[in-house]
Amino acid sequence: MNAIAPHVAETDRLRLAPGVMLRNDRRRDQWMLMAPERLLVLDEMALAIVRACVGPEIADVAAGIDRLTVEYDAPRTEIAADVLEMLTDLRNKGYVVT
């Protein structure tokens, strides 16, 4: 039986999972996360979250949330809730790891 993984926390440092790449399909004008035998097309907001919160150069998820809060001029609590939910989903699907 699989246990439900805990939510991603603001203190987590995330990176793309092994074998996952962020790629731009210029013909279709779409960004996607490509993994072996699967891919996930990212909308504009998902791409912004991945760029702000995932990668070795990112201090932690909180830094990405702070960046998005300024960029979108939105309440931090709302941004944080959406970001943490999406990153938890990406982690649970195997696209990102801590």
PDB file of N, CA and C in Angstrom:
ATOM      1  N   MET A   1       0.834  -1.180   0.000  1.00  0.00           N
ATOM      2  CA  MET A   1       0.000   0.000   0.000  1.00  0.00           C
ATOM      3  C   MET A   1       0.878   1.241   0.000  1.00  0.00           C
ATOM      4  N   ASN A   2       0.615   2.180  -0.892  1.00  0.00           N
ATOM      5  CA  ASN A   2       1.404   3.404  -0.986  1.00  0.00           C
ATOM      6  C   ASN A   2       0.921   4.433   0.024  1.00  0.00           C
ATOM      7  N   ALA A   3       1.852   5.022   0.758  1.00  0.00           N
ATOM      8  CA  ALA A   3       1.505   6.092   1.688  1.00  0.00           C
ATOM      9  C   ALA A   3       1.419   7.408   0.911  1.00  0.00           C
ATOM     10  N   ILE A   4       0.561   8.293   1.362  1.00  0.00           N
ATOM     11  CA  ILE A   4       0.455   9.606   0.739  1.00  0.00           C
ATOM     12  C   ILE A   4       1.673  10.409   1.164  1.00  0.00           C
ATOM     13  N   ALA A   5       2.354  10.966   0.178  1.00  0.00           N
ATOM     14  CA  ALA A   5       3.555  11.749   0.467  1.00  0.00           C
ATOM     15  C   ALA A   5       3.166  13.081   1.099  1.00  0.00           C
ATOM     16  N   PRO A   6       3.995  13.606   1.998  1.00  0.00           N
ATOM     17  CA  PRO A   6       3.695  14.910   2.592  1.00  0.00           C
ATOM     18  C   PRO A   6       3.783  16.011   1.541  1.00  0.00           C
ATOM     19  N   HIS A   7       3.155  17.121   1.855  1.00  0.00           N
ATOM     20  CA  HIS A   7       3.196  18.264   0.949  1.00  0.00           C
ATOM     21  C   HIS A   7       4.599  18.826   0.848  1.00  0.00           C
ATOM     22  N   VAL A   8       4.908  19.416  -0.276  1.00  0.00           N
ATOM     23  CA  VAL A   8       6.148  20.158  -0.439  1.00  0.00           C
ATOM     24  C   VAL A   8       6.089  21.340   0.530  1.00  0.00           C
ATOM     25  N   ALA A   9       7.203  21.636   1.175  1.00  0.00           N
ATOM     26  CA  ALA A   9       7.285  22.746   2.130  1.00  0.00           C
ATOM     27  C   ALA A   9       8.079  23.902   1.529  1.00  0.00           C
ATOM     28  N   GLU A  10       7.857  25.078   2.072  1.00  0.00           N
ATOM     29  CA  GLU A  10       8.587  26.253   1.584  1.00  0.00           C
ATOM     30  C   GLU A  10      10.097  26.117   1.791  1.00  0.00           C
ATOM     31  N   THR A  11      10.505  25.316   2.747  1.00  0.00           N
ATOM     32  CA  THR A  11      11.931  25.148   3.022  1.00  0.00           C
ATOM     33  C   THR A  11      12.591  24.108   2.110  1.00  0.00           C
ATOM     34  N   ASP A  12      11.794  23.401   1.319  1.00  0.00           N
ATOM     35  CA  ASP A  12      12.345  22.379   0.418  1.00  0.00           C
ATOM     36  C   ASP A  12      13.137  23.018  -0.721  1.00  0.00           C
ATOM     37  N   ARG A  13      14.157  22.308  -1.146  1.00  0.00           N
ATOM     38  CA  ARG A  13      14.918  22.671  -2.348  1.00  0.00           C
ATOM     39  C   ARG A  13      14.619  21.606  -3.383  1.00  0.00           C
ATOM     40  N   LEU A  14      13.992  22.000  -4.465  1.00  0.00           N
ATOM     41  CA  LEU A  14      13.559  21.047  -5.481  1.00  0.00           C
ATOM     42  C   LEU A  14      14.435  21.111  -6.717  1.00  0.00           C
ATOM     43  N   ARG A  15      14.522  19.981  -7.377  1.00  0.00           N
ATOM     44  CA  ARG A  15      15.216  19.909  -8.668  1.00  0.00           C
ATOM     45  C   ARG A  15      14.417  18.956  -9.548  1.00  0.00           C
ATOM     46  N   LEU A  16      14.672  19.023 -10.833  1.00  0.00           N
ATOM     47  CA  LEU A  16      14.014  18.081 -11.729  1.00  0.00           C
ATOM     48  C   LEU A  16      14.482  16.675 -11.400  1.00  0.00           C
ATOM     49  N   ALA A  17      13.588  15.731 -11.483  1.00  0.00           N
ATOM     50  CA  ALA A  17      13.931  14.335 -11.219  1.00  0.00           C
ATOM     51  C   ALA A  17      14.913  13.842 -12.291  1.00  0.00           C
ATOM     52  N   PRO A  18      15.716  12.819 -11.988  1.00  0.00           N
ATOM     53  CA  PRO A  18      16.620  12.268 -12.995  1.00  0.00           C
ATOM     54  C   PRO A  18      15.840  11.866 -14.251  1.00  0.00           C
ATOM     55  N   GLY A  19      16.346  12.285 -15.391  1.00  0.00           N
ATOM     56  CA  GLY A  19      15.718  11.959 -16.666  1.00  0.00           C
ATOM     57  C   GLY A  19      14.654  12.941 -17.120  1.00  0.00           C
ATOM     58  N   VAL A  20      14.304  13.909 -16.269  1.00  0.00           N
ATOM     59  CA  VAL A  20      13.284  14.904 -16.627  1.00  0.00           C
ATOM     60  C   VAL A  20      13.980  16.160 -17.144  1.00  0.00           C
ATOM     61  N   MET A  21      13.441  16.707 -18.231  1.00  0.00           N
ATOM     62  CA  MET A  21      14.005  17.913 -18.832  1.00  0.00           C
ATOM     63  C   MET A  21      12.893  18.927 -19.077  1.00  0.00           C
ATOM     64  N   LEU A  22      13.204  20.201 -18.908  1.00  0.00           N
ATOM     65  CA  LEU A  22      12.298  21.280 -19.280  1.00  0.00           C
ATOM     66  C   LEU A  22      12.652  21.665 -20.706  1.00  0.00           C
ATOM     67  N   ARG A  23      11.682  21.534 -21.620  1.00  0.00           N
ATOM     68  CA  ARG A  23      11.938  21.772 -23.039  1.00  0.00           C
ATOM     69  C   ARG A  23      10.859  22.662 -23.638  1.00  0.00           C
ATOM     70  N   ASN A  24      11.273  23.421 -24.649  1.00  0.00           N
ATOM     71  CA  ASN A  24      10.354  24.270 -25.391  1.00  0.00           C
ATOM     72  C   ASN A  24      10.141  23.666 -26.775  1.00  0.00           C
ATOM     73  N   ASP A  25       8.894  23.351 -27.110  1.00  0.00           N
ATOM     74  CA  ASP A  25       8.539  22.894 -28.453  1.00  0.00           C
ATOM     75  C   ASP A  25       8.179  24.143 -29.244  1.00  0.00           C
ATOM     76  N   ARG A  26       9.113  24.634 -30.018  1.00  0.00           N
ATOM     77  CA  ARG A  26       8.914  25.895 -30.733  1.00  0.00           C
ATOM     78  C   ARG A  26       7.831  25.789 -31.797  1.00  0.00           C
ATOM     79  N   ARG A  27       7.691  24.631 -32.405  1.00  0.00           N
ATOM     80  CA  ARG A  27       6.651  24.465 -33.426  1.00  0.00           C
ATOM     81  C   ARG A  27       5.255  24.647 -32.842  1.00  0.00           C
ATOM     82  N   ARG A  28       5.064  24.129 -31.660  1.00  0.00           N
ATOM     83  CA  ARG A  28       3.750  24.226 -31.011  1.00  0.00           C
ATOM     84  C   ARG A  28       3.669  25.380 -30.024  1.00  0.00           C
ATOM     85  N   ASP A  29       4.798  26.061 -29.822  1.00  0.00           N
ATOM     86  CA  ASP A  29       4.885  27.153 -28.857  1.00  0.00           C
ATOM     87  C   ASP A  29       4.402  26.697 -27.477  1.00  0.00           C
ATOM     88  N   GLN A  30       4.983  25.575 -27.018  1.00  0.00           N
ATOM     89  CA  GLN A  30       4.621  25.005 -25.715  1.00  0.00           C
ATOM     90  C   GLN A  30       5.880  24.618 -24.945  1.00  0.00           C
ATOM     91  N   TRP A  31       5.848  24.893 -23.656  1.00  0.00           N
ATOM     92  CA  TRP A  31       6.881  24.398 -22.751  1.00  0.00           C
ATOM     93  C   TRP A  31       6.367  23.123 -22.116  1.00  0.00           C
ATOM     94  N   MET A  32       7.271  22.185 -21.865  1.00  0.00           N
ATOM     95  CA  MET A  32       6.863  20.917 -21.274  1.00  0.00           C
ATOM     96  C   MET A  32       7.966  20.318 -20.416  1.00  0.00           C
ATOM     97  N   LEU A  33       7.539  19.475 -19.491  1.00  0.00           N
ATOM     98  CA  LEU A  33       8.467  18.632 -18.748  1.00  0.00           C
ATOM     99  C   LEU A  33       8.452  17.286 -19.442  1.00  0.00           C
ATOM    100  N   MET A  34       9.615  16.891 -19.934  1.00  0.00           N
ATOM    101  CA  MET A  34       9.730  15.624 -20.642  1.00  0.00           C
ATOM    102  C   MET A  34      10.455  14.619 -19.760  1.00  0.00           C
ATOM    103  N   ALA A  35       9.841  13.447 -19.628  1.00  0.00           N
ATOM    104  CA  ALA A  35      10.414  12.344 -18.864  1.00  0.00           C
ATOM    105  C   ALA A  35      10.342  11.103 -19.740  1.00  0.00           C
ATOM    106  N   PRO A  36      11.075  10.070 -19.391  1.00  0.00           N
ATOM    107  CA  PRO A  36      10.998   8.850 -20.198  1.00  0.00           C
ATOM    108  C   PRO A  36       9.548   8.378 -20.354  1.00  0.00           C
ATOM    109  N   GLU A  37       9.109   8.277 -21.586  1.00  0.00           N
ATOM    110  CA  GLU A  37       7.791   7.762 -21.961  1.00  0.00           C
ATOM    111  C   GLU A  37       6.612   8.582 -21.472  1.00  0.00           C
ATOM    112  N   ARG A  38       6.827   9.847 -21.123  1.00  0.00           N
ATOM    113  CA  ARG A  38       5.722  10.720 -20.743  1.00  0.00           C
ATOM    114  C   ARG A  38       6.159  12.173 -20.842  1.00  0.00           C
ATOM    115  N   LEU A  39       5.162  13.050 -20.939  1.00  0.00           N
ATOM    116  CA  LEU A  39       5.453  14.474 -20.921  1.00  0.00           C
ATOM    117  C   LEU A  39       4.269  15.213 -20.334  1.00  0.00           C
ATOM    118  N   LEU A  40       4.549  16.405 -19.832  1.00  0.00           N
ATOM    119  CA  LEU A  40       3.534  17.244 -19.230  1.00  0.00           C
ATOM    120  C   LEU A  40       3.659  18.626 -19.843  1.00  0.00           C
ATOM    121  N   VAL A  41       2.628  19.067 -20.557  1.00  0.00           N
ATOM    122  CA  VAL A  41       2.613  20.401 -21.150  1.00  0.00           C
ATOM    123  C   VAL A  41       2.298  21.396 -20.044  1.00  0.00           C
ATOM    124  N   LEU A  42       3.103  22.455 -19.956  1.00  0.00           N
ATOM    125  CA  LEU A  42       2.952  23.460 -18.912  1.00  0.00           C
ATOM    126  C   LEU A  42       2.234  24.687 -19.443  1.00  0.00           C
ATOM    127  N   ASP A  43       1.255  25.170 -18.694  1.00  0.00           N
ATOM    128  CA  ASP A  43       0.656  26.452 -19.054  1.00  0.00           C
ATOM    129  C   ASP A  43       1.574  27.560 -18.534  1.00  0.00           C
ATOM    130  N   GLU A  44       1.195  28.797 -18.783  1.00  0.00           N
ATOM    131  CA  GLU A  44       2.049  29.936 -18.422  1.00  0.00           C
ATOM    132  C   GLU A  44       2.358  29.981 -16.925  1.00  0.00           C
ATOM    133  N   MET A  45       1.355  29.735 -16.098  1.00  0.00           N
ATOM    134  CA  MET A  45       1.563  29.792 -14.648  1.00  0.00           C
ATOM    135  C   MET A  45       2.434  28.629 -14.170  1.00  0.00           C
ATOM    136  N   ALA A  46       2.193  27.440 -14.672  1.00  0.00           N
ATOM    137  CA  ALA A  46       3.005  26.287 -14.273  1.00  0.00           C
ATOM    138  C   ALA A  46       4.469  26.501 -14.660  1.00  0.00           C
ATOM    139  N   LEU A  47       4.701  27.060 -15.844  1.00  0.00           N
ATOM    140  CA  LEU A  47       6.070  27.342 -16.276  1.00  0.00           C
ATOM    141  C   LEU A  47       6.718  28.353 -15.331  1.00  0.00           C
ATOM    142  N   ALA A  48       5.989  29.398 -14.968  1.00  0.00           N
ATOM    143  CA  ALA A  48       6.535  30.405 -14.047  1.00  0.00           C
ATOM    144  C   ALA A  48       6.897  29.773 -12.705  1.00  0.00           C
ATOM    145  N   ILE A  49       6.061  28.876 -12.215  1.00  0.00           N
ATOM    146  CA  ILE A  49       6.326  28.209 -10.931  1.00  0.00           C
ATOM    147  C   ILE A  49       7.563  27.326 -11.033  1.00  0.00           C
ATOM    148  N   VAL A  50       7.670  26.541 -12.088  1.00  0.00           N
ATOM    149  CA  VAL A  50       8.836  25.667 -12.252  1.00  0.00           C
ATOM    150  C   VAL A  50      10.110  26.507 -12.350  1.00  0.00           C
ATOM    151  N   ARG A  51      10.074  27.554 -13.143  1.00  0.00           N
ATOM    152  CA  ARG A  51      11.272  28.404 -13.285  1.00  0.00           C
ATOM    153  C   ARG A  51      11.655  29.091 -11.978  1.00  0.00           C
ATOM    154  N   ALA A  52      10.664  29.489 -11.177  1.00  0.00           N
ATOM    155  CA  ALA A  52      10.947  30.226  -9.943  1.00  0.00           C
ATOM    156  C   ALA A  52      11.345  29.324  -8.781  1.00  0.00           C
ATOM    157  N   CYS A  53      10.882  28.079  -8.786  1.00  0.00           N
ATOM    158  CA  CYS A  53      11.004  27.249  -7.587  1.00  0.00           C
ATOM    159  C   CYS A  53      11.814  25.971  -7.739  1.00  0.00           C
ATOM    160  N   VAL A  54      12.211  25.607  -8.957  1.00  0.00           N
ATOM    161  CA  VAL A  54      12.870  24.322  -9.177  1.00  0.00           C
ATOM    162  C   VAL A  54      14.229  24.555  -9.833  1.00  0.00           C
ATOM    163  N   GLY A  55      15.254  23.959  -9.247  1.00  0.00           N
ATOM    164  CA  GLY A  55      16.578  24.019  -9.851  1.00  0.00           C
ATOM    165  C   GLY A  55      17.662  24.214  -8.818  1.00  0.00           C
ATOM    166  N   PRO A  56      18.879  23.848  -9.176  1.00  0.00           N
ATOM    167  CA  PRO A  56      19.986  23.930  -8.219  1.00  0.00           C
ATOM    168  C   PRO A  56      20.332  25.365  -7.816  1.00  0.00           C
ATOM    169  N   GLU A  57      19.979  26.345  -8.651  1.00  0.00           N
ATOM    170  CA  GLU A  57      20.301  27.737  -8.343  1.00  0.00           C
ATOM    171  C   GLU A  57      19.261  28.403  -7.443  1.00  0.00           C
ATOM    172  N   ILE A  58      18.165  27.701  -7.153  1.00  0.00           N
ATOM    173  CA  ILE A  58      17.086  28.238  -6.325  1.00  0.00           C
ATOM    174  C   ILE A  58      17.368  27.912  -4.856  1.00  0.00           C
ATOM    175  N   ALA A  59      17.342  28.925  -3.993  1.00  0.00           N
ATOM    176  CA  ALA A  59      17.643  28.713  -2.572  1.00  0.00           C
ATOM    177  C   ALA A  59      16.654  27.743  -1.945  1.00  0.00           C
ATOM    178  N   ASP A  60      15.366  28.005  -2.118  1.00  0.00           N
ATOM    179  CA  ASP A  60      14.316  27.130  -1.613  1.00  0.00           C
ATOM    180  C   ASP A  60      12.996  27.566  -2.237  1.00  0.00           C
ATOM    181  N   VAL A  61      11.957  26.818  -1.975  1.00  0.00           N
ATOM    182  CA  VAL A  61      10.644  27.125  -2.548  1.00  0.00           C
ATOM    183  C   VAL A  61      10.172  28.499  -2.088  1.00  0.00           C
ATOM    184  N   ALA A  62      10.449  28.876  -0.843  1.00  0.00           N
ATOM    185  CA  ALA A  62      10.029  30.181  -0.320  1.00  0.00           C
ATOM    186  C   ALA A  62      10.584  31.321  -1.169  1.00  0.00           C
ATOM    187  N   ALA A  63      11.822  31.211  -1.613  1.00  0.00           N
ATOM    188  CA  ALA A  63      12.413  32.260  -2.458  1.00  0.00           C
ATOM    189  C   ALA A  63      11.649  32.380  -3.772  1.00  0.00           C
ATOM    190  N   GLY A  64      11.246  31.247  -4.332  1.00  0.00           N
ATOM    191  CA  GLY A  64      10.459  31.278  -5.556  1.00  0.00           C
ATOM    192  C   GLY A  64       9.090  31.892  -5.337  1.00  0.00           C
ATOM    193  N   ILE A  65       8.469  31.578  -4.206  1.00  0.00           N
ATOM    194  CA  ILE A  65       7.166  32.164  -3.878  1.00  0.00           C
ATOM    195  C   ILE A  65       7.301  33.678  -3.732  1.00  0.00           C
ATOM    196  N   ASP A  66       8.350  34.117  -3.059  1.00  0.00           N
ATOM    197  CA  ASP A  66       8.583  35.560  -2.904  1.00  0.00           C
ATOM    198  C   ASP A  66       8.732  36.227  -4.270  1.00  0.00           C
ATOM    199  N   ARG A  67       9.472  35.606  -5.151  1.00  0.00           N
ATOM    200  CA  ARG A  67       9.679  36.145  -6.501  1.00  0.00           C
ATOM    201  C   ARG A  67       8.354  36.249  -7.258  1.00  0.00           C
ATOM    202  N   LEU A  68       7.538  35.204  -7.192  1.00  0.00           N
ATOM    203  CA  LEU A  68       6.256  35.205  -7.888  1.00  0.00           C
ATOM    204  C   LEU A  68       5.283  36.217  -7.278  1.00  0.00           C
ATOM    205  N   THR A  69       5.348  36.409  -5.969  1.00  0.00           N
ATOM    206  CA  THR A  69       4.496  37.386  -5.298  1.00  0.00           C
ATOM    207  C   THR A  69       4.764  38.788  -5.836  1.00  0.00           C
ATOM    208  N   VAL A  70       6.033  39.116  -6.014  1.00  0.00           N
ATOM    209  CA  VAL A  70       6.402  40.422  -6.559  1.00  0.00           C
ATOM    210  C   VAL A  70       6.031  40.502  -8.040  1.00  0.00           C
ATOM    211  N   GLU A  71       6.372  39.460  -8.791  1.00  0.00           N
ATOM    212  CA  GLU A  71       6.132  39.453 -10.238  1.00  0.00           C
ATOM    213  C   GLU A  71       4.650  39.593 -10.585  1.00  0.00           C
ATOM    214  N   TYR A  72       3.786  38.931  -9.826  1.00  0.00           N
ATOM    215  CA  TYR A  72       2.350  38.937 -10.132  1.00  0.00           C
ATOM    216  C   TYR A  72       1.555  39.884  -9.238  1.00  0.00           C
ATOM    217  N   ASP A  73       2.238  40.594  -8.326  1.00  0.00           N
ATOM    218  CA  ASP A  73       1.597  41.556  -7.441  1.00  0.00           C
ATOM    219  C   ASP A  73       0.327  40.968  -6.819  1.00  0.00           C
ATOM    220  N   ALA A  74       0.503  39.815  -6.192  1.00  0.00           N
ATOM    221  CA  ALA A  74      -0.622  39.094  -5.586  1.00  0.00           C
ATOM    222  C   ALA A  74      -0.289  38.782  -4.128  1.00  0.00           C
ATOM    223  N   PRO A  75      -1.309  38.517  -3.312  1.00  0.00           N
ATOM    224  CA  PRO A  75      -1.057  38.182  -1.902  1.00  0.00           C
ATOM    225  C   PRO A  75      -0.206  36.922  -1.771  1.00  0.00           C
ATOM    226  N   ARG A  76       0.788  36.982  -0.906  1.00  0.00           N
ATOM    227  CA  ARG A  76       1.718  35.866  -0.754  1.00  0.00           C
ATOM    228  C   ARG A  76       1.003  34.585  -0.334  1.00  0.00           C
ATOM    229  N   THR A  77       0.000  34.693   0.532  1.00  0.00           N
ATOM    230  CA  THR A  77      -0.696  33.494   0.995  1.00  0.00           C
ATOM    231  C   THR A  77      -1.373  32.758  -0.159  1.00  0.00           C
ATOM    232  N   GLU A  78      -1.952  33.510  -1.086  1.00  0.00           N
ATOM    233  CA  GLU A  78      -2.596  32.883  -2.247  1.00  0.00           C
ATOM    234  C   GLU A  78      -1.570  32.239  -3.174  1.00  0.00           C
ATOM    235  N   ILE A  79      -0.505  32.969  -3.438  1.00  0.00           N
ATOM    236  CA  ILE A  79       0.567  32.435  -4.300  1.00  0.00           C
ATOM    237  C   ILE A  79       1.144  31.175  -3.662  1.00  0.00           C
ATOM    238  N   ALA A  80       1.447  31.237  -2.368  1.00  0.00           N
ATOM    239  CA  ALA A  80       2.059  30.101  -1.675  1.00  0.00           C
ATOM    240  C   ALA A  80       1.172  28.865  -1.754  1.00  0.00           C
ATOM    241  N   ALA A  81      -0.118  29.036  -1.514  1.00  0.00           N
ATOM    242  CA  ALA A  81      -1.030  27.882  -1.553  1.00  0.00           C
ATOM    243  C   ALA A  81      -1.033  27.226  -2.927  1.00  0.00           C
ATOM    244  N   ASP A  82      -1.121  28.039  -3.989  1.00  0.00           N
ATOM    245  CA  ASP A  82      -1.147  27.502  -5.349  1.00  0.00           C
ATOM    246  C   ASP A  82       0.177  26.832  -5.719  1.00  0.00           C
ATOM    247  N   VAL A  83       1.274  27.486  -5.361  1.00  0.00           N
ATOM    248  CA  VAL A  83       2.604  26.956  -5.689  1.00  0.00           C
ATOM    249  C   VAL A  83       2.846  25.631  -4.966  1.00  0.00           C
ATOM    250  N   LEU A  84       2.568  25.583  -3.679  1.00  0.00           N
ATOM    251  CA  LEU A  84       2.823  24.361  -2.915  1.00  0.00           C
ATOM    252  C   LEU A  84       1.949  23.214  -3.401  1.00  0.00           C
ATOM    253  N   GLU A  85       0.708  23.505  -3.769  1.00  0.00           N
ATOM    254  CA  GLU A  85      -0.173  22.463  -4.302  1.00  0.00           C
ATOM    255  C   GLU A  85       0.369  21.920  -5.624  1.00  0.00           C
ATOM    256  N   MET A  86       0.782  22.815  -6.528  1.00  0.00           N
ATOM    257  CA  MET A  86       1.280  22.362  -7.820  1.00  0.00           C
ATOM    258  C   MET A  86       2.594  21.591  -7.687  1.00  0.00           C
ATOM    259  N   LEU A  87       3.501  22.090  -6.851  1.00  0.00           N
ATOM    260  CA  LEU A  87       4.785  21.411  -6.680  1.00  0.00           C
ATOM    261  C   LEU A  87       4.613  20.050  -6.015  1.00  0.00           C
ATOM    262  N   THR A  88       3.676  19.940  -5.087  1.00  0.00           N
ATOM    263  CA  THR A  88       3.390  18.644  -4.476  1.00  0.00           C
ATOM    264  C   THR A  88       2.892  17.671  -5.535  1.00  0.00           C
ATOM    265  N   ASP A  89       2.013  18.134  -6.409  1.00  0.00           N
ATOM    266  CA  ASP A  89       1.498  17.293  -7.490  1.00  0.00           C
ATOM    267  C   ASP A  89       2.633  16.861  -8.431  1.00  0.00           C
ATOM    268  N   LEU A  90       3.510  17.800  -8.809  1.00  0.00           N
ATOM    269  CA  LEU A  90       4.642  17.451  -9.682  1.00  0.00           C
ATOM    270  C   LEU A  90       5.571  16.449  -8.998  1.00  0.00           C
ATOM    271  N   ARG A  91       5.792  16.629  -7.704  1.00  0.00           N
ATOM    272  CA  ARG A  91       6.641  15.693  -6.973  1.00  0.00           C
ATOM    273  C   ARG A  91       5.997  14.312  -6.902  1.00  0.00           C
ATOM    274  N   ASN A  92       4.698  14.277  -6.611  1.00  0.00           N
ATOM    275  CA  ASN A  92       3.999  12.999  -6.507  1.00  0.00           C
ATOM    276  C   ASN A  92       3.941  12.262  -7.847  1.00  0.00           C
ATOM    277  N   LYS A  93       3.999  12.999  -8.941  1.00  0.00           N
ATOM    278  CA  LYS A  93       3.995  12.400 -10.277  1.00  0.00           C
ATOM    279  C   LYS A  93       5.405  12.067 -10.772  1.00  0.00           C
ATOM    280  N   GLY A  94       6.425  12.432  -9.974  1.00  0.00           N
ATOM    281  CA  GLY A  94       7.791  12.053 -10.313  1.00  0.00           C
ATOM    282  C   GLY A  94       8.540  13.026 -11.204  1.00  0.00           C
ATOM    283  N   TYR A  95       8.030  14.231 -11.387  1.00  0.00           N
ATOM    284  CA  TYR A  95       8.718  15.220 -12.227  1.00  0.00           C
ATOM    285  C   TYR A  95       9.776  16.010 -11.471  1.00  0.00           C
ATOM    286  N   VAL A  96       9.581  16.222 -10.152  1.00  0.00           N
ATOM    287  CA  VAL A  96      10.564  16.917  -9.331  1.00  0.00           C
ATOM    288  C   VAL A  96      10.853  16.107  -8.082  1.00  0.00           C
ATOM    289  N   VAL A  97      12.027  16.328  -7.523  1.00  0.00           N
ATOM    290  CA  VAL A  97      12.453  15.653  -6.292  1.00  0.00           C
ATOM    291  C   VAL A  97      13.113  16.667  -5.365  1.00  0.00           C
ATOM    292  N   THR A  98      13.191  16.275  -4.068  1.00  0.00           N
ATOM    293  CA  THR A  98      13.875  17.136  -3.102  1.00  0.00           C
ATOM    294  C   THR A  98      15.319  16.731  -2.995  1.00  0.00           C
TER     295      THR A  98
END
